[in-house]
């Protein structure tokens, strides 16, 4: 089951987000305060970000964060799949695939493009993304902290 993240999910979300940012799926850790700020944003009804919880057998099994931007290149809204984290004991049970199907159905006709990032070494995730029709976008991604 995939459902919207809610205030009661705080402790589990915080723990899973810390695990995600300690894993090989990301390039570096983030300040813990960012995780709390994100949770607060997700539970106040922001139009820019959404959080989802994955459940399996009645237990919380993971989460995902989504955000939206506008792209002239894409000709409309772009949905960013910011984070997908599935607890180790629930991996390879189809939850990731189920989530991507959910996203495409939920946002059909609302967004022009769906984007995501993956660490180059996260081969299992990249394999799933390719099976789901995602292709490489050969831009050099840059950022500046402000």
C-alpha atoms as a PDB file:
ATOM      1  CA  UNK A   1       0.000   0.000   0.000  1.00  0.00           C
ATOM      2  CA  UNK A   2       1.144   3.527  -0.779  1.00  0.00           C
ATOM      3  CA  UNK A   3      -0.298   6.393   1.215  1.00  0.00           C
ATOM      4  CA  UNK A   4       0.421  10.027   1.991  1.00  0.00           C
ATOM      5  CA  UNK A   5       2.855  10.620   4.817  1.00  0.00           C
ATOM      6  CA  UNK A   6       1.145  12.021   7.917  1.00  0.00           C
ATOM      7  CA  UNK A   7       2.127  13.480  11.281  1.00  0.00           C
ATOM      8  CA  UNK A   8       1.962  10.063  12.992  1.00  0.00           C
ATOM      9  CA  UNK A   9       4.769   8.852  10.692  1.00  0.00           C
ATOM     10  CA  UNK A  10       7.312  11.297  12.114  1.00  0.00           C
ATOM     11  CA  UNK A  11       9.532   8.915  14.095  1.00  0.00           C
ATOM     12  CA  UNK A  12       9.587   6.242  11.382  1.00  0.00           C
ATOM     13  CA  UNK A  13      10.171   8.773   8.605  1.00  0.00           C
ATOM     14  CA  UNK A  14      13.019  10.440  10.516  1.00  0.00           C
ATOM     15  CA  UNK A  15      14.671   7.067  11.171  1.00  0.00           C
ATOM     16  CA  UNK A  16      14.317   5.915   7.555  1.00  0.00           C
ATOM     17  CA  UNK A  17      15.590   9.228   6.183  1.00  0.00           C
ATOM     18  CA  UNK A  18      18.657   8.979   8.413  1.00  0.00           C
ATOM     19  CA  UNK A  19      19.239   5.425   7.118  1.00  0.00           C
ATOM     20  CA  UNK A  20      18.835   6.627   3.523  1.00  0.00           C
ATOM     21  CA  UNK A  21      21.408   9.378   4.015  1.00  0.00           C
ATOM     22  CA  UNK A  22      23.808   6.899   5.592  1.00  0.00           C
ATOM     23  CA  UNK A  23      23.495   4.459   2.687  1.00  0.00           C
ATOM     24  CA  UNK A  24      25.393   3.946  -0.555  1.00  0.00           C
ATOM     25  CA  UNK A  25      22.408   5.393  -2.467  1.00  0.00           C
ATOM     26  CA  UNK A  26      23.564   8.950  -1.779  1.00  0.00           C
ATOM     27  CA  UNK A  27      26.819  10.798  -2.249  1.00  0.00           C
ATOM     28  CA  UNK A  28      26.924  12.386   1.203  1.00  0.00           C
ATOM     29  CA  UNK A  29      25.059  12.820   4.451  1.00  0.00           C
ATOM     30  CA  UNK A  30      22.938  15.866   5.191  1.00  0.00           C
ATOM     31  CA  UNK A  31      22.408  17.873   8.381  1.00  0.00           C
ATOM     32  CA  UNK A  32      19.817  16.203  10.601  1.00  0.00           C
ATOM     33  CA  UNK A  33      17.902  19.479  10.809  1.00  0.00           C
ATOM     34  CA  UNK A  34      17.152  19.179   7.063  1.00  0.00           C
ATOM     35  CA  UNK A  35      15.257  15.953   7.701  1.00  0.00           C
ATOM     36  CA  UNK A  36      13.094  17.630  10.330  1.00  0.00           C
ATOM     37  CA  UNK A  37      12.489  20.679   8.121  1.00  0.00           C
ATOM     38  CA  UNK A  38      11.437  18.416   5.262  1.00  0.00           C
ATOM     39  CA  UNK A  39       9.034  16.494   7.486  1.00  0.00           C
ATOM     40  CA  UNK A  40       7.479  19.751   8.690  1.00  0.00           C
ATOM     41  CA  UNK A  41       7.062  20.952   5.101  1.00  0.00           C
ATOM     42  CA  UNK A  42       5.492  17.660   4.036  1.00  0.00           C
ATOM     43  CA  UNK A  43       2.940  17.716   6.839  1.00  0.00           C
ATOM     44  CA  UNK A  44       1.827  21.330   6.317  1.00  0.00           C
ATOM     45  CA  UNK A  45       0.407  20.824   2.829  1.00  0.00           C
ATOM     46  CA  UNK A  46       3.069  22.427   0.651  1.00  0.00           C
ATOM     47  CA  UNK A  47       2.208  22.616  -3.073  1.00  0.00           C
ATOM     48  CA  UNK A  48       5.868  21.919  -3.883  1.00  0.00           C
ATOM     49  CA  UNK A  49       6.540  18.653  -2.087  1.00  0.00           C
ATOM     50  CA  UNK A  50       4.753  15.441  -1.149  1.00  0.00           C
ATOM     51  CA  UNK A  51       5.751  12.510   0.978  1.00  0.00           C
ATOM     52  CA  UNK A  52       4.507   8.943   0.681  1.00  0.00           C
ATOM     53  CA  UNK A  53       4.795   5.941   2.968  1.00  0.00           C
ATOM     54  CA  UNK A  54       5.020   2.376   1.676  1.00  0.00           C
ATOM     55  CA  UNK A  55       3.381  -0.348   3.717  1.00  0.00           C
ATOM     56  CA  UNK A  56       3.824  -4.075   3.333  1.00  0.00           C
ATOM     57  CA  UNK A  57       1.906  -6.561   5.436  1.00  0.00           C
ATOM     58  CA  UNK A  58       0.619  -3.726   7.620  1.00  0.00           C
ATOM     59  CA  UNK A  59       4.150  -2.525   8.423  1.00  0.00           C
ATOM     60  CA  UNK A  60       5.915   0.618   7.253  1.00  0.00           C
ATOM     61  CA  UNK A  61       8.381  -0.522   4.614  1.00  0.00           C
ATOM     62  CA  UNK A  62       9.742   2.704   3.145  1.00  0.00           C
ATOM     63  CA  UNK A  63       9.041   6.190   1.917  1.00  0.00           C
ATOM     64  CA  UNK A  64       9.333   8.501  -1.073  1.00  0.00           C
ATOM     65  CA  UNK A  65       9.643  12.247  -1.495  1.00  0.00           C
ATOM     66  CA  UNK A  66       8.400  14.095  -4.570  1.00  0.00           C
ATOM     67  CA  UNK A  67       8.712  17.721  -5.634  1.00  0.00           C
ATOM     68  CA  UNK A  68       7.599  19.765  -8.622  1.00  0.00           C
ATOM     69  CA  UNK A  69       9.212  22.386 -10.831  1.00  0.00           C
ATOM     70  CA  UNK A  70       8.368  23.956 -14.167  1.00  0.00           C
ATOM     71  CA  UNK A  71      10.499  23.287 -17.235  1.00  0.00           C
ATOM     72  CA  UNK A  72      10.417  25.191 -20.488  1.00  0.00           C
ATOM     73  CA  UNK A  73      12.412  22.335 -22.026  1.00  0.00           C
ATOM     74  CA  UNK A  74       9.771  19.785 -20.990  1.00  0.00           C
ATOM     75  CA  UNK A  75       6.909  22.137 -21.778  1.00  0.00           C
ATOM     76  CA  UNK A  76       5.255  21.866 -18.400  1.00  0.00           C
ATOM     77  CA  UNK A  77       5.546  20.715 -14.834  1.00  0.00           C
ATOM     78  CA  UNK A  78       8.298  18.272 -13.937  1.00  0.00           C
ATOM     79  CA  UNK A  79       7.827  15.825 -11.122  1.00  0.00           C
ATOM     80  CA  UNK A  80      11.080  15.091  -9.322  1.00  0.00           C
ATOM     81  CA  UNK A  81      11.346  11.805  -7.508  1.00  0.00           C
ATOM     82  CA  UNK A  82      13.672  13.132  -4.841  1.00  0.00           C
ATOM     83  CA  UNK A  83      14.042  10.081  -2.637  1.00  0.00           C
ATOM     84  CA  UNK A  84      12.872   6.503  -2.625  1.00  0.00           C
ATOM     85  CA  UNK A  85      13.918   4.400   0.324  1.00  0.00           C
ATOM     86  CA  UNK A  86      12.804   0.872   1.074  1.00  0.00           C
ATOM     87  CA  UNK A  87      13.935  -0.828   4.270  1.00  0.00           C
ATOM     88  CA  UNK A  88      16.342  -3.708   3.539  1.00  0.00           C
ATOM     89  CA  UNK A  89      13.957  -6.436   4.688  1.00  0.00           C
ATOM     90  CA  UNK A  90      11.296  -5.247   2.196  1.00  0.00           C
ATOM     91  CA  UNK A  91      13.495  -4.910  -0.880  1.00  0.00           C
ATOM     92  CA  UNK A  92      12.918  -7.061  -3.956  1.00  0.00           C
ATOM     93  CA  UNK A  93       9.218  -7.426  -3.138  1.00  0.00           C
ATOM     94  CA  UNK A  94       7.999  -5.136  -5.917  1.00  0.00           C
ATOM     95  CA  UNK A  95       7.448  -2.033  -3.778  1.00  0.00           C
ATOM     96  CA  UNK A  96       9.641   0.210  -5.933  1.00  0.00           C
ATOM     97  CA  UNK A  97       7.915  -0.926  -9.111  1.00  0.00           C
ATOM     98  CA  UNK A  98       4.513  -0.465  -7.485  1.00  0.00           C
ATOM     99  CA  UNK A  99       5.452   3.065  -6.440  1.00  0.00           C
ATOM    100  CA  UNK A 100       6.513   4.095  -9.941  1.00  0.00           C
ATOM    101  CA  UNK A 101       3.268   2.735 -11.408  1.00  0.00           C
ATOM    102  CA  UNK A 102       1.379   4.686  -8.729  1.00  0.00           C
ATOM    103  CA  UNK A 103       3.275   7.896  -9.580  1.00  0.00           C
ATOM    104  CA  UNK A 104       2.585   7.608 -13.303  1.00  0.00           C
ATOM    105  CA  UNK A 105      -1.128   7.032 -12.683  1.00  0.00           C
ATOM    106  CA  UNK A 106      -1.403   9.773 -10.024  1.00  0.00           C
ATOM    107  CA  UNK A 107       0.299  12.433 -12.166  1.00  0.00           C
ATOM    108  CA  UNK A 108      -0.918  11.385 -15.621  1.00  0.00           C
ATOM    109  CA  UNK A 109      -1.897  14.497 -17.558  1.00  0.00           C
ATOM    110  CA  UNK A 110      -0.555  16.761 -14.799  1.00  0.00           C
ATOM    111  CA  UNK A 111       3.184  16.669 -15.492  1.00  0.00           C
ATOM    112  CA  UNK A 112       5.189  16.706 -18.705  1.00  0.00           C
ATOM    113  CA  UNK A 113       8.186  14.816 -17.346  1.00  0.00           C
ATOM    114  CA  UNK A 114       9.272  12.711 -14.410  1.00  0.00           C
ATOM    115  CA  UNK A 115      12.900  13.054 -13.320  1.00  0.00           C
ATOM    116  CA  UNK A 116      15.106  11.361 -10.790  1.00  0.00           C
ATOM    117  CA  UNK A 117      18.729  11.030  -9.839  1.00  0.00           C
ATOM    118  CA  UNK A 118      20.671   7.930  -8.956  1.00  0.00           C
ATOM    119  CA  UNK A 119      24.157   7.391  -7.642  1.00  0.00           C
ATOM    120  CA  UNK A 120      26.106   5.736 -10.461  1.00  0.00           C
ATOM    121  CA  UNK A 121      26.999   2.834  -8.172  1.00  0.00           C
ATOM    122  CA  UNK A 122      23.364   2.057  -7.262  1.00  0.00           C
ATOM    123  CA  UNK A 123      23.071  -0.562 -10.003  1.00  0.00           C
ATOM    124  CA  UNK A 124      19.882  -2.238  -8.746  1.00  0.00           C
ATOM    125  CA  UNK A 125      18.001   1.050  -8.690  1.00  0.00           C
ATOM    126  CA  UNK A 126      19.308   2.052 -12.115  1.00  0.00           C
ATOM    127  CA  UNK A 127      18.255  -1.317 -13.524  1.00  0.00           C
ATOM    128  CA  UNK A 128      14.724  -0.805 -12.182  1.00  0.00           C
ATOM    129  CA  UNK A 129      14.539   2.752 -13.548  1.00  0.00           C
ATOM    130  CA  UNK A 130      15.605   1.595 -17.000  1.00  0.00           C
ATOM    131  CA  UNK A 131      13.043  -1.244 -16.970  1.00  0.00           C
ATOM    132  CA  UNK A 132      10.415   1.386 -16.153  1.00  0.00           C
ATOM    133  CA  UNK A 133      11.387   3.458 -19.202  1.00  0.00           C
ATOM    134  CA  UNK A 134      13.704   6.056 -17.675  1.00  0.00           C
ATOM    135  CA  UNK A 135      16.629   7.166 -19.827  1.00  0.00           C
ATOM    136  CA  UNK A 136      19.857   8.993 -19.087  1.00  0.00           C
ATOM    137  CA  UNK A 137      19.796  12.772 -19.360  1.00  0.00           C
ATOM    138  CA  UNK A 138      23.367  13.662 -20.177  1.00  0.00           C
ATOM    139  CA  UNK A 139      23.580  16.956 -18.368  1.00  0.00           C
ATOM    140  CA  UNK A 140      26.302  17.822 -15.946  1.00  0.00           C
ATOM    141  CA  UNK A 141      24.376  18.530 -12.775  1.00  0.00           C
ATOM    142  CA  UNK A 142      25.751  21.394 -10.721  1.00  0.00           C
ATOM    143  CA  UNK A 143      24.682  23.091  -7.522  1.00  0.00           C
ATOM    144  CA  UNK A 144      25.596  25.873  -5.152  1.00  0.00           C
ATOM    145  CA  UNK A 145      24.639  25.901  -1.485  1.00  0.00           C
ATOM    146  CA  UNK A 146      23.201  29.229  -0.346  1.00  0.00           C
END
